[in-house]
Amino acid sequence: MIFLLCLLTVVFVLLMLKLDCDITTWFYEKTGTNLHLFYSNKVVWVTGSSTGIGAALAVQAAKYGAKLVLTARQEPLLNEVRTKCIAAGAAEENILVLPLDLCEFSKHKEAFDTVLNKFGRLDVMIHNAGRSQRARWEHIDLEVDRSMFDLNVFSVINLTRVILPHMLTAKQGMIGIMSSPAGKSGVPFSGTYTGSKHALHGYFESLRNEKVGSGIDITMLCPGPTFSNLLQVAATEKFGERFGESMKPGDKRMTAERCAELSLIAVANKLPESWLCFAPVLPMMYLNQYLPAVSKSLMKLLGAKFLANVRDSRNAMESDKYK
């Protein structure tokens, strides 16, 4: 028995060092639902779909035959993604470009009505829009907190409350929430962002438990470092300021395409939560989840600068604006 436990421990550790997602997601990638069968003719609405993970989600879903609703603020970029979706196999009539500032909450119902007028239903909602942050906790302007919560939290909550009655009436619907490892643990130099992602877990775990048996499935998606324009538009300590730095080709990050593929796998297989990251983030996620005291002790040992380097492949907080 002791030998077996030791063997399983070794296998688990090796998997943590090799995989780019949690074991459950990896298992369903190998054995789960066929994505072509699942997404074919499903109506999938992706917010924040003009760049990065959101754009990749749209193109991957198009490849699997989905009907798409593309939402972000910049219509020209959405039209570029639309062209890529058509190249991936989507029919022109099966793509709705729906520009929307998600912080204009009063326009959410009108936007959803447009989706229903076009397709008659909504099967999968993927809340991808959001903004990251690089900032020192004690220097953050409260207006930064308010504006980031409007986008990262309240826009997601309000739009979900708009679409939820439709899904409840249909007795089916899938909601994917783009969270982060920051939604599971305390990430240094991203206090507002971390708080907003924790809030999403609180709201949607509550919704999940409230709607058991309703046909509504919720998947919390937690991607680690991923290639996108995140650093360019990330918030800082000052309201209205952008971090304005770019990722580098040699950074240790997952591609947006791989992140999108794993996200679609998690949603299709109705996984309650999926961690989309590789070492050292993935083992740290497991420690935080199952051995929190050990995880917190490790954080003390490694320090904030180590975690900053893991996240950005360098310490982005060494930027001149923080000196």
Protein backbone atom coordinates (compact mmCIF):
# COMPACT_ATOMS: atom_id res chain seq x y z
CA MET A 1 0.00 0.00 0.00
CA ILE A 2 2.81 2.42 0.90
CA PHE A 3 4.56 1.59 -2.37
CA LEU A 4 1.36 2.27 -4.32
CA LEU A 5 0.86 5.61 -2.59
CA CYS A 6 4.46 6.58 -3.34
CA LEU A 7 4.03 5.55 -6.98
CA LEU A 8 0.83 7.57 -7.32
CA THR A 9 2.52 10.58 -5.75
CA VAL A 10 5.41 10.36 -8.22
CA VAL A 11 2.99 10.04 -11.16
CA PHE A 12 0.98 13.02 -9.89
CA VAL A 13 4.09 15.21 -9.53
CA LEU A 14 5.31 14.25 -13.01
CA LEU A 15 1.92 15.12 -14.47
CA MET A 16 1.98 18.50 -12.72
CA LEU A 17 5.32 19.23 -14.34
CA LYS A 18 4.22 18.07 -17.80
CA LEU A 19 0.57 19.07 -18.27
CA ASP A 20 -0.75 22.46 -19.36
CA CYS A 21 -4.09 22.03 -17.57
CA ASP A 22 -5.49 20.30 -14.50
CA ILE A 23 -5.84 16.52 -14.55
CA THR A 24 -9.63 16.56 -14.96
CA THR A 25 -9.49 18.83 -18.00
CA TRP A 26 -6.66 16.71 -19.46
CA PHE A 27 -8.74 13.56 -18.93
CA TYR A 28 -11.74 15.04 -20.75
CA GLU A 29 -9.53 16.30 -23.57
CA LYS A 30 -8.57 12.67 -24.18
CA THR A 31 -11.90 10.95 -23.51
CA GLY A 32 -14.66 13.57 -23.41
CA THR A 33 -17.29 15.05 -25.71
CA ASN A 34 -16.50 15.40 -29.40
CA LEU A 35 -16.27 19.16 -29.91
CA HIS A 36 -17.54 19.02 -33.51
CA LEU A 37 -20.67 17.22 -32.36
CA PHE A 38 -21.17 19.44 -29.34
CA TYR A 39 -20.67 22.91 -30.86
CA SER A 40 -22.18 22.26 -34.29
CA ASN A 41 -25.12 24.71 -34.69
CA LYS A 42 -24.84 25.84 -31.06
CA VAL A 43 -25.25 29.60 -30.61
CA VAL A 44 -22.15 30.79 -28.76
CA TRP A 45 -21.77 34.38 -27.51
CA VAL A 46 -18.21 35.45 -26.70
CA THR A 47 -17.55 38.81 -25.08
CA GLY A 48 -14.15 40.44 -25.42
CA SER A 49 -13.79 38.62 -28.73
CA SER A 50 -11.85 41.29 -30.63
CA THR A 51 -8.37 40.16 -29.47
CA GLY A 52 -6.46 37.57 -27.46
CA ILE A 53 -8.24 34.63 -25.87
CA GLY A 54 -11.67 35.92 -26.90
CA ALA A 55 -10.75 36.10 -30.58
CA ALA A 56 -9.19 32.63 -30.37
CA LEU A 57 -12.34 31.28 -28.71
CA ALA A 58 -14.44 32.61 -31.56
CA VAL A 59 -12.22 31.12 -34.27
CA GLN A 60 -11.97 27.75 -32.52
CA ALA A 61 -15.74 27.61 -32.00
CA ALA A 62 -16.23 28.48 -35.68
CA LYS A 63 -13.99 25.56 -36.60
CA TYR A 64 -16.36 23.28 -34.68
CA GLY A 65 -19.46 24.59 -36.45
CA ALA A 66 -20.85 27.05 -33.91
CA LYS A 67 -23.04 30.03 -34.69
CA LEU A 68 -21.29 33.03 -33.20
CA VAL A 69 -22.04 36.32 -31.53
CA LEU A 70 -18.93 38.49 -31.34
CA THR A 71 -18.92 41.32 -28.82
CA ALA A 72 -16.37 43.98 -27.90
CA ARG A 73 -16.15 47.74 -28.22
CA GLN A 74 -14.09 47.97 -31.42
CA GLU A 75 -16.16 46.96 -34.44
CA PRO A 76 -13.23 47.01 -36.93
CA LEU A 77 -11.37 44.41 -34.85
CA LEU A 78 -14.53 42.32 -34.52
CA ASN A 79 -14.88 42.34 -38.30
CA GLU A 80 -11.31 41.06 -38.59
CA VAL A 81 -12.18 38.20 -36.23
CA ARG A 82 -15.35 37.58 -38.26
CA THR A 83 -13.20 37.13 -41.37
CA LYS A 84 -11.00 34.62 -39.51
CA CYS A 85 -14.10 32.72 -38.35
CA ILE A 86 -15.33 32.46 -41.94
CA ALA A 87 -11.90 31.19 -42.99
CA ALA A 88 -12.18 28.59 -40.20
CA GLY A 89 -15.42 27.29 -41.68
CA ALA A 90 -18.28 29.41 -40.33
CA ALA A 91 -20.98 30.55 -42.74
CA GLU A 92 -21.30 34.33 -43.05
CA GLU A 93 -24.95 34.24 -41.98
CA ASN A 94 -23.99 32.37 -38.80
CA ILE A 95 -21.90 35.22 -37.38
CA LEU A 96 -23.37 38.25 -35.64
CA VAL A 97 -20.98 41.13 -34.98
CA LEU A 98 -22.46 42.92 -31.98
CA PRO A 99 -20.35 45.89 -30.80
CA LEU A 100 -21.06 46.80 -27.19
CA ASP A 101 -19.44 48.63 -24.31
CA LEU A 102 -20.22 46.12 -21.58
CA CYS A 103 -20.06 48.83 -18.92
CA GLU A 104 -23.17 50.41 -20.44
CA PHE A 105 -25.43 48.07 -18.48
CA SER A 106 -28.65 49.58 -19.82
CA LYS A 107 -27.78 48.28 -23.30
CA HIS A 108 -27.44 44.63 -22.28
CA LYS A 109 -31.09 43.72 -22.82
CA GLU A 110 -31.17 45.39 -26.22
CA ALA A 111 -28.05 43.46 -27.20
CA PHE A 112 -29.56 40.15 -26.09
CA ASP A 113 -32.76 40.93 -27.98
CA THR A 114 -30.59 41.37 -31.09
CA VAL A 115 -29.10 37.90 -30.50
CA LEU A 116 -32.57 36.36 -30.15
CA ASN A 117 -33.85 38.16 -33.25
CA LYS A 118 -30.91 36.76 -35.20
CA PHE A 119 -30.70 33.19 -33.89
CA GLY A 120 -33.80 32.62 -31.75
CA ARG A 121 -31.83 31.24 -28.82
CA LEU A 122 -28.56 31.29 -26.90
CA ASP A 123 -26.87 28.01 -25.98
CA VAL A 124 -23.43 29.03 -24.66
CA MET A 125 -22.40 32.32 -23.05
CA ILE A 126 -18.67 32.85 -22.56
CA HIS A 127 -17.86 35.92 -20.47
CA ASN A 128 -14.32 36.66 -21.59
CA ALA A 129 -14.16 40.47 -21.49
CA GLY A 130 -12.07 41.89 -18.68
CA ARG A 131 -8.99 43.85 -17.78
CA SER A 132 -5.84 42.91 -15.90
CA GLN A 133 -3.68 45.15 -13.69
CA ARG A 134 -0.15 45.93 -12.59
CA ALA A 135 -0.13 48.08 -9.46
CA ARG A 136 1.08 48.39 -5.88
CA TRP A 137 -1.81 47.66 -3.54
CA GLU A 138 -1.51 50.70 -1.28
CA HIS A 139 -1.20 53.17 -4.18
CA ILE A 140 -4.32 52.14 -6.13
CA ASP A 141 -6.82 54.94 -6.72
CA LEU A 142 -10.30 53.89 -5.59
CA GLU A 143 -11.64 54.92 -9.00
CA VAL A 144 -9.47 52.16 -10.48
CA ASP A 145 -11.21 49.66 -8.19
CA ARG A 146 -14.64 50.94 -9.18
CA SER A 147 -13.99 50.96 -12.93
CA MET A 148 -12.39 47.50 -12.93
CA PHE A 149 -15.23 46.00 -10.93
CA ASP A 150 -17.70 47.55 -13.38
CA LEU A 151 -16.08 45.66 -16.24
CA ASN A 152 -14.71 42.51 -14.62
CA VAL A 153 -17.63 41.84 -12.27
CA PHE A 154 -20.77 43.92 -12.61
CA SER A 155 -20.98 43.75 -16.41
CA VAL A 156 -20.71 39.96 -16.17
CA ILE A 157 -23.36 39.76 -13.45
CA ASN A 158 -25.78 42.07 -15.20
CA LEU A 159 -25.50 40.40 -18.62
CA THR A 160 -25.96 37.00 -16.99
CA ARG A 161 -29.10 38.24 -15.24
CA VAL A 162 -30.38 39.37 -18.64
CA ILE A 163 -29.80 36.02 -20.38
CA LEU A 164 -30.60 33.71 -17.46
CA PRO A 165 -34.43 33.79 -17.70
CA HIS A 166 -34.16 32.65 -21.33
CA MET A 167 -31.91 29.74 -20.37
CA LEU A 168 -34.10 28.78 -17.43
CA THR A 169 -37.18 28.72 -19.66
CA ALA A 170 -35.32 26.58 -22.17
CA LYS A 171 -34.06 24.39 -19.30
CA GLN A 172 -30.61 24.40 -20.84
CA GLY A 173 -27.66 26.74 -21.10
CA MET A 174 -23.94 26.84 -20.50
CA ILE A 175 -22.07 29.78 -19.02
CA GLY A 176 -18.28 30.01 -19.12
CA ILE A 177 -16.63 32.60 -16.88
CA MET A 178 -13.07 33.64 -17.73
CA SER A 179 -11.45 33.88 -14.31
CA SER A 180 -7.77 33.38 -13.47
CA PRO A 181 -5.46 31.78 -10.92
CA ALA A 182 -5.94 35.20 -9.31
CA GLY A 183 -9.50 34.10 -8.61
CA LYS A 184 -8.16 31.27 -6.46
CA SER A 185 -5.24 32.88 -4.63
CA GLY A 186 -3.73 36.27 -3.83
CA VAL A 187 -1.65 37.54 -6.75
CA PRO A 188 0.80 40.33 -5.91
CA PHE A 189 0.72 43.64 -7.80
CA SER A 190 -2.83 43.02 -9.04
CA GLY A 191 -4.96 43.79 -6.01
CA THR A 192 -8.05 45.03 -7.83
CA TYR A 193 -7.85 42.35 -10.50
CA THR A 194 -7.46 39.64 -7.87
CA GLY A 195 -10.42 40.97 -5.91
CA SER A 196 -12.57 41.08 -9.04
CA LYS A 197 -11.79 37.48 -9.98
CA HIS A 198 -12.47 36.28 -6.43
CA ALA A 199 -15.81 38.07 -6.66
CA LEU A 200 -16.71 36.17 -9.84
CA HIS A 201 -16.12 32.85 -8.08
CA GLY A 202 -18.34 33.93 -5.20
CA TYR A 203 -21.20 35.10 -7.41
CA PHE A 204 -21.17 32.17 -9.80
CA GLU A 205 -20.58 29.40 -7.26
CA SER A 206 -23.66 30.77 -5.52
CA LEU A 207 -25.59 30.73 -8.81
CA ARG A 208 -24.44 27.19 -9.56
CA ASN A 209 -25.69 25.87 -6.23
CA GLU A 210 -28.93 27.84 -6.47
CA LYS A 211 -29.80 26.43 -9.91
CA VAL A 212 -28.97 22.77 -9.36
CA GLY A 213 -31.25 20.69 -11.58
CA SER A 214 -32.27 23.65 -13.76
CA GLY A 215 -30.23 22.61 -16.82
CA ILE A 216 -27.82 25.52 -16.37
CA ASP A 217 -24.13 24.59 -16.26
CA ILE A 218 -21.39 26.98 -15.13
CA THR A 219 -17.68 26.58 -15.85
CA MET A 220 -15.07 28.74 -14.14
CA LEU A 221 -12.06 29.02 -16.47
CA CYS A 222 -8.70 29.88 -14.89
CA PRO A 223 -6.00 30.49 -17.52
CA GLY A 224 -2.47 31.25 -16.39
CA PRO A 225 0.00 33.38 -18.38
CA THR A 226 -1.28 33.53 -21.98
CA PHE A 227 -0.19 35.48 -25.04
CA SER A 228 -2.48 38.47 -25.69
CA ASN A 229 -2.46 42.27 -25.59
CA LEU A 230 -3.18 42.10 -21.84
CA LEU A 231 -0.14 44.10 -20.73
CA GLN A 232 -0.81 46.88 -23.21
CA VAL A 233 -4.26 47.65 -21.83
CA ALA A 234 -3.78 46.54 -18.20
CA ALA A 235 -4.87 49.01 -15.53
CA THR A 236 -2.34 50.56 -13.17
CA GLU A 237 -2.64 52.51 -9.91
CA LYS A 238 -3.99 55.62 -11.63
CA PHE A 239 -7.48 55.95 -13.08
CA GLY A 240 -7.46 56.12 -16.88
CA GLU A 241 -3.85 54.95 -17.24
CA ARG A 242 -2.74 51.89 -19.23
CA PHE A 243 0.31 49.82 -18.35
CA GLY A 244 1.37 50.03 -21.99
CA GLU A 245 3.98 47.27 -22.19
CA SER A 246 4.12 44.39 -24.65
CA MET A 247 4.66 40.69 -24.17
CA LYS A 248 7.81 39.23 -25.69
CA PRO A 249 7.96 36.23 -28.06
CA GLY A 250 10.22 34.38 -25.63
CA ASP A 251 7.88 34.75 -22.66
CA LYS A 252 6.74 31.52 -21.00
CA ARG A 253 3.07 31.70 -21.88
CA MET A 254 0.34 29.53 -23.33
CA THR A 255 -0.86 30.45 -26.81
CA ALA A 256 -4.33 31.99 -27.01
CA GLU A 257 -5.33 29.17 -29.37
CA ARG A 258 -4.41 26.44 -26.88
CA CYS A 259 -6.15 28.30 -24.08
CA ALA A 260 -9.28 28.62 -26.23
CA GLU A 261 -9.24 24.92 -27.12
CA LEU A 262 -8.98 23.86 -23.48
CA SER A 263 -11.71 26.33 -22.53
CA LEU A 264 -14.09 24.91 -25.12
CA ILE A 265 -13.30 21.38 -23.88
CA ALA A 266 -14.10 22.39 -20.29
CA VAL A 267 -17.40 24.04 -21.25
CA ALA A 268 -18.51 21.20 -23.53
CA ASN A 269 -17.86 18.64 -20.80
CA LYS A 270 -19.62 20.76 -18.16
CA LEU A 271 -16.59 20.94 -15.89
CA PRO A 272 -17.31 23.18 -12.90
CA GLU A 273 -13.76 24.56 -12.95
CA SER A 274 -10.75 24.27 -15.24
CA TRP A 275 -7.15 25.39 -14.67
CA LEU A 276 -5.41 26.23 -17.93
CA CYS A 277 -1.76 26.64 -17.06
CA PHE A 278 1.55 24.80 -16.77
CA ALA A 279 4.35 24.59 -14.22
CA PRO A 280 5.10 26.35 -11.96
CA VAL A 281 1.57 27.85 -11.87
CA LEU A 282 -0.27 24.52 -12.09
CA PRO A 283 1.46 22.87 -9.08
CA MET A 284 0.95 26.08 -7.12
CA MET A 285 -2.77 25.93 -7.93
CA TYR A 286 -2.98 22.41 -6.52
CA LEU A 287 -1.08 23.41 -3.39
CA ASN A 288 -3.34 26.40 -2.87
CA GLN A 289 -6.46 24.26 -3.31
CA TYR A 290 -5.53 21.23 -1.23
CA LEU A 291 -2.70 22.35 1.07
CA PRO A 292 -3.43 26.04 1.73
CA ALA A 293 -1.14 26.34 4.76
CA VAL A 294 1.77 24.88 2.79
CA SER A 295 0.93 27.15 -0.14
CA LYS A 296 0.98 30.28 2.01
CA SER A 297 4.25 29.27 3.61
CA LEU A 298 5.72 28.71 0.15
CA MET A 299 4.57 32.18 -0.92
CA LYS A 300 6.46 33.67 2.02
CA LEU A 301 9.56 31.76 0.98
CA LEU A 302 9.38 32.63 -2.73
CA GLY A 303 8.30 36.26 -2.36
CA ALA A 304 6.33 38.67 -4.52
CA LYS A 305 9.11 39.24 -7.06
CA PHE A 306 9.26 35.53 -7.88
CA LEU A 307 5.53 35.45 -8.58
CA ALA A 308 5.78 38.61 -10.68
CA ASN A 309 8.47 36.91 -12.77
CA VAL A 310 6.34 33.79 -13.18
CA ARG A 311 3.39 35.83 -14.40
CA ASP A 312 5.21 38.08 -16.89
CA SER A 313 8.50 36.22 -17.48
CA ARG A 314 10.08 39.28 -15.85
CA ASN A 315 9.21 41.62 -13.00
CA ALA A 316 6.94 44.09 -14.77
CA MET A 317 6.86 46.14 -11.57
CA GLU A 318 10.42 47.25 -12.26
CA SER A 319 8.96 49.60 -14.89
CA ASP A 320 10.03 53.24 -14.60
CA LYS A 321 6.52 54.31 -13.63
CA TYR A 322 6.90 52.52 -10.27
CA LYS A 323 10.32 53.94 -9.34
